[in-house]
Amino acid sequence: MALAEKIPRLWYRRGLALPLYPLLPFSALFSAVSGVRRMAYRHGLAHAERLPVPVIVVGNLVAGGAGKTPLTLWLVERLRERGWRPGIVSRGYGRAAAAPRLVAEGDAATDCGDEPLLLARRGGVPVAVARDRAAAGRVLLAAHPECNVLLADDGLQHYGLARDVEIVVFDQRGTGNRWLLPAGPLREPLGRLASVDAVVLNGGAALPELPPSVPTYTMQLAGQRFVSLADPGRSCTAEALAGRSLHAYAGIGDPRRFFAHLAGLGLEVVEHPFPDHHSFTAADFVPAAGGVVLLTEKDAVKCAGLIAGEAWVLPVSAELSPGLIERIVEKIDGRKAA
């Protein structure tokens, strides 16, 4: 395994692993540059564009996924239940083009990114992608003027887009060694949490260093029924797969979350972890020949036509402790009234 692939694993070990010590000067530089950037936006030296509708940012303080996509889908549903008409903007990690564009359900992941494509297919709301999230918001609102609130998926550090609510998600890996990139997983210092509106702890995460003034909510991912990759109209239970030769593939922020979920359903699998946003090829699935492939939804949008044998996808939905949506609506109602 290359050092570049080992480093994220080392971030979450107790203490600072020896191979990370040479990276400390770069972490200090990263801290200085990101700090200057935050101050520039805070004091108006850099422009943050405010869109004509409220903006809710769902983001990470650490590199890699922690459960933002299922939380974003949960927020879409809860907002719609309260009469809001949401849209979603995202960077579109890994997409080939740079220009802002709307996402269509029939797009390829290479056109718009895996997470935005999943959000468009599952959320049933307009989705737009661009590195410049404000530009994505303008494109979305021009095409869908009925939208009256935007969710920014993975936009916590994108200060060019003004926001009304900030939600930070952590999973069970927590904050790792608490160093900034590249010696640790942090994108910003832990003190940044004092200024956010809510922290969501996914899957039993525990952060004793949280500021007491920041509301904290728990989230669990639920999903028990599998959907056929080749024919989404077909589904099956975990019991129907038990006892077979199962190969679980995951190219998400922490593949162990997926494998643990499968174990919780009583399934014994051969684990195939990959880096987040991995671009799968047919060769990746050769070790599963003759067996059954199990996929996350995020990976499944990139795997159509790559798997010769039987493959099933596990959709998951977020379940949250009470109070988060009420806090969000109170804040964006205030923006609407203003």
Protein backbone atom coordinates (compact mmCIF):
# COMPACT_ATOMS: atom_id res chain seq x y z
CA MET A 1 0.00 0.00 0.00
CA ALA A 2 1.36 3.43 -1.00
CA LEU A 3 2.17 5.94 1.75
CA ALA A 4 -0.52 8.29 0.37
CA GLU A 5 -3.11 5.59 1.11
CA LYS A 6 -1.64 4.76 4.52
CA ILE A 7 -1.67 8.34 5.81
CA PRO A 8 -5.47 8.60 6.38
CA ARG A 9 -5.30 5.39 8.43
CA LEU A 10 -2.49 6.85 10.54
CA TRP A 11 -4.53 9.98 11.30
CA TYR A 12 -6.91 7.97 13.48
CA ARG A 13 -4.36 6.06 15.54
CA ARG A 14 -3.71 7.09 19.14
CA GLY A 15 -0.96 9.71 19.18
CA LEU A 16 1.02 11.02 16.21
CA ALA A 17 2.45 8.13 14.18
CA LEU A 18 6.12 8.37 13.26
CA PRO A 19 5.58 8.61 9.46
CA LEU A 20 3.48 11.75 10.04
CA TYR A 21 6.19 13.77 11.80
CA PRO A 22 7.77 15.05 8.54
CA LEU A 23 4.35 16.49 7.63
CA LEU A 24 4.10 18.76 10.70
CA PRO A 25 5.68 21.81 8.99
CA PHE A 26 3.12 21.50 6.19
CA SER A 27 0.32 21.31 8.77
CA ALA A 28 1.62 24.53 10.34
CA LEU A 29 1.62 26.17 6.91
CA PHE A 30 -1.88 24.87 6.18
CA SER A 31 -3.08 26.26 9.53
CA ALA A 32 -1.61 29.69 8.79
CA VAL A 33 -3.03 29.92 5.29
CA SER A 34 -6.50 28.70 6.26
CA GLY A 35 -6.53 31.04 9.26
CA VAL A 36 -5.70 34.07 7.11
CA ARG A 37 -8.40 33.01 4.66
CA ARG A 38 -11.05 32.74 7.40
CA MET A 39 -10.10 36.16 8.77
CA ALA A 40 -10.30 37.71 5.29
CA TYR A 41 -13.91 36.58 4.91
CA ARG A 42 -14.80 37.44 8.51
CA HIS A 43 -13.59 41.02 8.15
CA GLY A 44 -14.97 41.61 4.67
CA LEU A 45 -11.61 41.58 2.89
CA ALA A 46 -12.86 38.68 0.76
CA HIS A 47 -16.38 38.63 -0.65
CA ALA A 48 -18.94 36.04 0.43
CA GLU A 49 -21.90 36.00 -1.95
CA ARG A 50 -25.33 35.95 -0.33
CA LEU A 51 -27.96 34.26 -2.44
CA PRO A 52 -31.61 35.40 -2.34
CA VAL A 53 -32.70 32.30 -0.36
CA PRO A 54 -31.48 30.83 2.95
CA VAL A 55 -28.47 28.53 2.73
CA ILE A 56 -27.86 25.54 5.02
CA VAL A 57 -24.33 24.12 4.92
CA VAL A 58 -23.73 20.47 5.80
CA GLY A 59 -20.02 19.86 6.17
CA ASN A 60 -17.06 18.20 7.83
CA LEU A 61 -14.25 19.46 10.01
CA VAL A 62 -12.26 16.39 8.99
CA ALA A 63 -11.22 15.19 5.55
CA GLY A 64 -13.33 12.44 4.04
CA GLY A 65 -16.96 11.48 4.36
CA ALA A 66 -18.72 11.18 7.71
CA GLY A 67 -22.37 10.84 6.68
CA LYS A 68 -23.18 14.18 5.05
CA THR A 69 -25.13 12.70 2.14
CA PRO A 70 -27.73 10.77 4.19
CA LEU A 71 -28.06 13.78 6.51
CA THR A 72 -28.66 16.05 3.52
CA LEU A 73 -31.36 13.69 2.24
CA TRP A 74 -32.95 13.66 5.71
CA LEU A 75 -32.99 17.46 5.73
CA VAL A 76 -34.61 17.55 2.28
CA GLU A 77 -37.47 15.40 3.53
CA ARG A 78 -37.96 17.28 6.81
CA LEU A 79 -37.92 20.67 5.05
CA ARG A 80 -40.46 19.51 2.47
CA GLU A 81 -42.72 18.29 5.27
CA ARG A 82 -42.69 21.85 6.61
CA GLY A 83 -43.61 23.45 3.31
CA TRP A 84 -40.14 24.43 2.09
CA ARG A 85 -38.96 23.75 -1.48
CA PRO A 86 -35.27 22.82 -1.21
CA GLY A 87 -32.51 22.53 -3.76
CA ILE A 88 -28.97 21.19 -3.32
CA VAL A 89 -25.59 22.57 -4.40
CA SER A 90 -22.37 20.58 -4.27
CA ARG A 91 -18.84 20.67 -5.57
CA GLY A 92 -19.19 17.51 -7.64
CA TYR A 93 -15.92 15.90 -6.62
CA GLY A 94 -14.14 14.12 -9.47
CA ARG A 95 -16.25 15.53 -12.31
CA ALA A 96 -14.49 16.15 -15.60
CA ALA A 97 -15.85 19.66 -16.39
CA ALA A 98 -15.58 22.87 -14.35
CA ALA A 99 -18.60 24.91 -15.47
CA PRO A 100 -21.66 25.03 -13.19
CA ARG A 101 -24.41 22.66 -14.29
CA LEU A 102 -27.61 21.04 -13.17
CA VAL A 103 -27.58 17.32 -12.40
CA ALA A 104 -29.97 14.98 -14.22
CA GLU A 105 -30.87 11.56 -12.86
CA GLY A 106 -29.55 9.94 -16.04
CA ASP A 107 -26.12 11.58 -15.81
CA ALA A 108 -22.90 9.64 -15.35
CA ALA A 109 -20.95 10.16 -12.15
CA THR A 110 -18.03 11.47 -14.22
CA ASP A 111 -20.27 14.34 -15.36
CA CYS A 112 -21.37 15.53 -11.95
CA GLY A 113 -19.73 13.51 -9.15
CA ASP A 114 -20.99 10.45 -7.29
CA GLU A 115 -22.60 12.20 -4.30
CA PRO A 116 -24.55 14.82 -6.33
CA LEU A 117 -25.85 12.05 -8.62
CA LEU A 118 -27.03 10.05 -5.61
CA LEU A 119 -28.64 13.19 -4.12
CA ALA A 120 -30.48 13.88 -7.38
CA ARG A 121 -31.76 10.31 -7.69
CA ARG A 122 -32.75 9.84 -4.06
CA GLY A 123 -33.74 13.38 -3.11
CA GLY A 124 -36.03 14.22 -6.00
CA VAL A 125 -35.03 17.90 -5.81
CA PRO A 126 -32.93 20.09 -8.11
CA VAL A 127 -29.17 19.63 -7.71
CA ALA A 128 -26.42 21.79 -9.20
CA VAL A 129 -22.65 21.35 -9.07
CA ALA A 130 -19.65 23.67 -9.33
CA ARG A 131 -16.44 24.27 -7.44
CA ASP A 132 -17.89 27.76 -6.85
CA ARG A 133 -20.98 26.86 -4.80
CA ALA A 134 -22.47 30.34 -5.21
CA ALA A 135 -22.29 29.90 -8.99
CA ALA A 136 -24.01 26.53 -8.63
CA GLY A 137 -26.70 28.22 -6.56
CA ARG A 138 -27.29 30.89 -9.20
CA VAL A 139 -27.65 28.24 -11.92
CA LEU A 140 -30.05 26.22 -9.80
CA LEU A 141 -32.24 29.18 -8.82
CA ALA A 142 -32.37 30.46 -12.41
CA ALA A 143 -33.67 27.08 -13.59
CA HIS A 144 -35.85 26.43 -10.51
CA PRO A 145 -37.10 29.74 -9.09
CA GLU A 146 -39.57 27.79 -6.97
CA CYS A 147 -36.74 26.69 -4.66
CA ASN A 148 -36.73 28.80 -1.51
CA VAL A 149 -33.91 27.18 0.48
CA LEU A 150 -30.57 25.66 -0.57
CA LEU A 151 -28.61 22.86 1.07
CA ALA A 152 -24.85 23.04 0.44
CA ASP A 153 -23.41 19.54 0.62
CA ASP A 154 -19.80 19.61 1.89
CA GLY A 155 -19.42 23.40 1.88
CA LEU A 156 -18.20 24.24 5.39
CA GLN A 157 -14.86 25.64 4.20
CA HIS A 158 -16.31 27.24 1.05
CA TYR A 159 -16.55 30.73 2.52
CA GLY A 160 -17.34 32.34 -0.83
CA LEU A 161 -20.95 31.27 -0.21
CA ALA A 162 -22.65 33.08 2.67
CA ARG A 163 -24.68 30.78 4.86
CA ASP A 164 -27.47 31.00 7.43
CA VAL A 165 -26.95 27.62 9.14
CA GLU A 166 -23.83 25.47 9.56
CA ILE A 167 -24.06 21.79 10.51
CA VAL A 168 -20.92 19.71 11.11
CA VAL A 169 -20.98 15.91 10.91
CA PHE A 170 -18.60 13.51 12.67
CA ASP A 171 -18.55 9.72 12.55
CA GLN A 172 -17.08 7.24 15.03
CA ARG A 173 -13.53 8.13 13.95
CA GLY A 174 -13.96 11.48 15.71
CA THR A 175 -11.18 14.04 15.24
CA GLY A 176 -8.29 11.57 15.01
CA ASN A 177 -4.96 12.91 16.24
CA ARG A 178 -6.38 16.48 16.19
CA TRP A 179 -3.71 17.78 13.82
CA LEU A 180 -4.53 19.76 10.70
CA LEU A 181 -3.89 18.42 7.21
CA PRO A 182 -1.68 16.73 6.10
CA ALA A 183 -0.34 15.42 9.46
CA GLY A 184 -3.90 14.94 10.69
CA PRO A 185 -7.46 14.87 9.33
CA LEU A 186 -8.61 18.34 10.40
CA ARG A 187 -9.51 20.89 7.73
CA GLU A 188 -9.82 23.60 10.38
CA PRO A 189 -8.91 23.86 14.09
CA LEU A 190 -11.33 22.38 16.60
CA GLY A 191 -12.09 25.91 17.82
CA ARG A 192 -14.14 26.33 14.64
CA LEU A 193 -16.89 24.26 16.27
CA ALA A 194 -17.71 27.13 18.62
CA SER A 195 -19.21 29.07 15.70
CA VAL A 196 -21.39 26.38 14.09
CA ASP A 197 -25.11 25.94 14.67
CA ALA A 198 -25.18 22.20 15.30
CA VAL A 199 -22.98 19.12 15.47
CA VAL A 200 -24.31 15.73 14.33
CA LEU A 201 -22.62 12.60 15.68
CA ASN A 202 -23.07 9.70 13.27
CA GLY A 203 -23.01 6.09 14.40
CA GLY A 204 -21.97 6.43 18.01
CA ALA A 205 -19.35 9.15 17.55
CA ALA A 206 -18.19 10.78 20.79
CA LEU A 207 -16.41 14.14 20.96
CA PRO A 208 -15.65 15.16 24.55
CA GLU A 209 -13.95 18.34 23.30
CA LEU A 210 -17.17 19.87 21.95
CA PRO A 211 -17.98 23.38 23.18
CA PRO A 212 -20.89 23.08 25.66
CA SER A 213 -22.78 25.88 23.89
CA VAL A 214 -23.07 23.95 20.60
CA PRO A 215 -26.23 21.82 20.25
CA THR A 216 -25.40 18.18 19.54
CA TYR A 217 -27.58 15.56 17.87
CA THR A 218 -27.09 11.86 17.23
CA MET A 219 -27.63 10.10 13.91
CA GLN A 220 -27.91 6.45 12.98
CA LEU A 221 -28.08 4.99 9.48
CA ALA A 222 -30.86 2.46 8.94
CA GLY A 223 -31.25 0.09 6.02
CA GLN A 224 -32.19 -3.58 5.84
CA ARG A 225 -33.42 -4.25 2.32
CA PHE A 226 -31.15 -4.60 -0.72
CA VAL A 227 -31.94 -3.42 -4.26
CA SER A 228 -30.64 -5.12 -7.40
CA LEU A 229 -27.98 -3.09 -9.22
CA ALA A 230 -29.16 -4.45 -12.59
CA ASP A 231 -32.88 -4.11 -11.89
CA PRO A 232 -33.81 -1.52 -9.21
CA GLY A 233 -37.35 -2.88 -9.23
CA ARG A 234 -36.11 -6.04 -7.50
CA SER A 235 -35.22 -6.18 -3.83
CA CYS A 236 -34.35 -8.76 -1.20
CA THR A 237 -33.76 -9.12 2.52
CA ALA A 238 -30.47 -9.81 4.25
CA GLU A 239 -31.83 -13.24 5.13
CA ALA A 240 -32.05 -14.08 1.42
CA LEU A 241 -28.32 -13.41 1.06
CA ALA A 242 -27.11 -15.13 4.21
CA GLY A 243 -24.84 -18.12 3.71
CA ARG A 244 -23.78 -17.12 0.21
CA SER A 245 -20.31 -16.00 -0.94
CA LEU A 246 -20.62 -12.25 -0.32
CA HIS A 247 -18.10 -9.59 -1.34
CA ALA A 248 -18.69 -6.11 0.10
CA TYR A 249 -17.19 -3.14 -1.76
CA ALA A 250 -16.98 0.36 -0.28
CA GLY A 251 -15.26 3.49 -1.59
CA ILE A 252 -16.58 5.88 1.07
CA GLY A 253 -14.95 7.98 3.80
CA ASP A 254 -14.83 5.06 6.24
CA PRO A 255 -15.57 1.70 4.55
CA ARG A 256 -15.74 0.05 7.99
CA ARG A 257 -19.12 1.72 8.53
CA PHE A 258 -20.58 -0.24 5.62
CA PHE A 259 -18.96 -3.51 6.67
CA ALA A 260 -20.19 -3.08 10.25
CA HIS A 261 -23.71 -2.38 8.97
CA LEU A 262 -23.65 -5.62 7.01
CA ALA A 263 -22.37 -7.51 10.03
CA GLY A 264 -25.24 -6.03 12.03
CA LEU A 265 -27.61 -7.58 9.49
CA GLY A 266 -26.04 -10.96 10.19
CA LEU A 267 -24.03 -11.17 6.95
CA GLU A 268 -20.50 -12.52 6.71
CA VAL A 269 -18.63 -10.82 3.86
CA VAL A 270 -15.23 -10.55 2.25
CA GLU A 271 -14.31 -6.90 2.71
CA HIS A 272 -12.97 -4.81 -0.18
CA PRO A 273 -12.22 -1.27 1.11
CA PHE A 274 -11.25 1.50 -1.32
CA PRO A 275 -10.42 5.21 -0.93
CA ASP A 276 -13.27 7.71 -0.85
CA HIS A 277 -14.67 8.55 -4.32
CA HIS A 278 -12.79 5.62 -5.88
CA SER A 279 -13.40 5.25 -9.63
CA PHE A 280 -14.28 1.59 -9.94
CA THR A 281 -13.30 -0.52 -12.93
CA ALA A 282 -14.29 -4.05 -13.93
CA ALA A 283 -10.91 -5.28 -12.70
CA ASP A 284 -11.81 -4.27 -9.13
CA PHE A 285 -14.54 -6.92 -9.11
CA VAL A 286 -12.48 -9.84 -10.44
CA PRO A 287 -11.85 -11.14 -6.86
CA ALA A 288 -15.63 -11.43 -6.43
CA ALA A 289 -16.11 -13.67 -9.48
CA GLY A 290 -18.59 -16.40 -8.67
CA GLY A 291 -19.88 -14.58 -5.62
CA VAL A 292 -22.38 -11.83 -4.86
CA VAL A 293 -21.27 -8.19 -4.75
CA LEU A 294 -22.73 -5.83 -2.13
CA LEU A 295 -22.40 -2.07 -2.66
CA THR A 296 -23.14 1.24 -0.99
CA GLU A 297 -25.50 3.56 -2.85
CA LYS A 298 -22.72 6.07 -3.40
CA ASP A 299 -20.55 3.45 -5.11
CA ALA A 300 -23.43 1.91 -7.04
CA VAL A 301 -23.96 5.03 -9.17
CA LYS A 302 -20.49 4.38 -10.67
CA CYS A 303 -20.72 0.62 -11.14
CA ALA A 304 -23.44 0.03 -13.74
CA GLY A 305 -22.15 -2.38 -16.38
CA LEU A 306 -18.94 -3.19 -14.49
CA ILE A 307 -20.08 -6.30 -12.61
CA ALA A 308 -20.72 -9.47 -14.59
CA GLY A 309 -22.39 -11.38 -11.77
CA GLU A 310 -25.05 -10.69 -9.16
CA ALA A 311 -24.85 -7.35 -7.34
CA TRP A 312 -27.02 -5.73 -4.69
CA VAL A 313 -27.11 -2.20 -3.30
CA LEU A 314 -27.99 -1.27 0.28
CA PRO A 315 -29.93 2.03 0.51
CA VAL A 316 -29.71 3.69 3.93
CA SER A 317 -31.67 6.46 5.59
CA ALA A 318 -30.68 8.74 8.47
CA GLU A 319 -32.48 8.66 11.80
CA LEU A 320 -31.80 11.63 14.10
CA SER A 321 -32.46 12.56 17.69
CA PRO A 322 -35.18 15.22 18.10
CA GLY A 323 -34.72 18.94 17.76
CA LEU A 324 -32.42 19.56 14.80
CA ILE A 325 -35.00 20.44 12.17
CA GLU A 326 -36.80 22.78 14.58
CA ARG A 327 -33.54 24.65 15.25
CA ILE A 328 -32.83 24.97 11.52
CA VAL A 329 -36.34 26.13 10.59
CA GLU A 330 -36.26 28.74 13.35
CA LYS A 331 -33.10 30.24 11.87
CA ILE A 332 -34.16 30.21 8.23
CA ASP A 333 -37.64 31.50 9.11
CA GLY A 334 -35.87 34.48 10.60
CA ARG A 335 -33.97 35.05 7.34
CA LYS A 336 -37.23 34.80 5.37
CA ALA A 337 -38.92 37.31 7.68
CA ALA A 338 -36.00 39.71 7.32
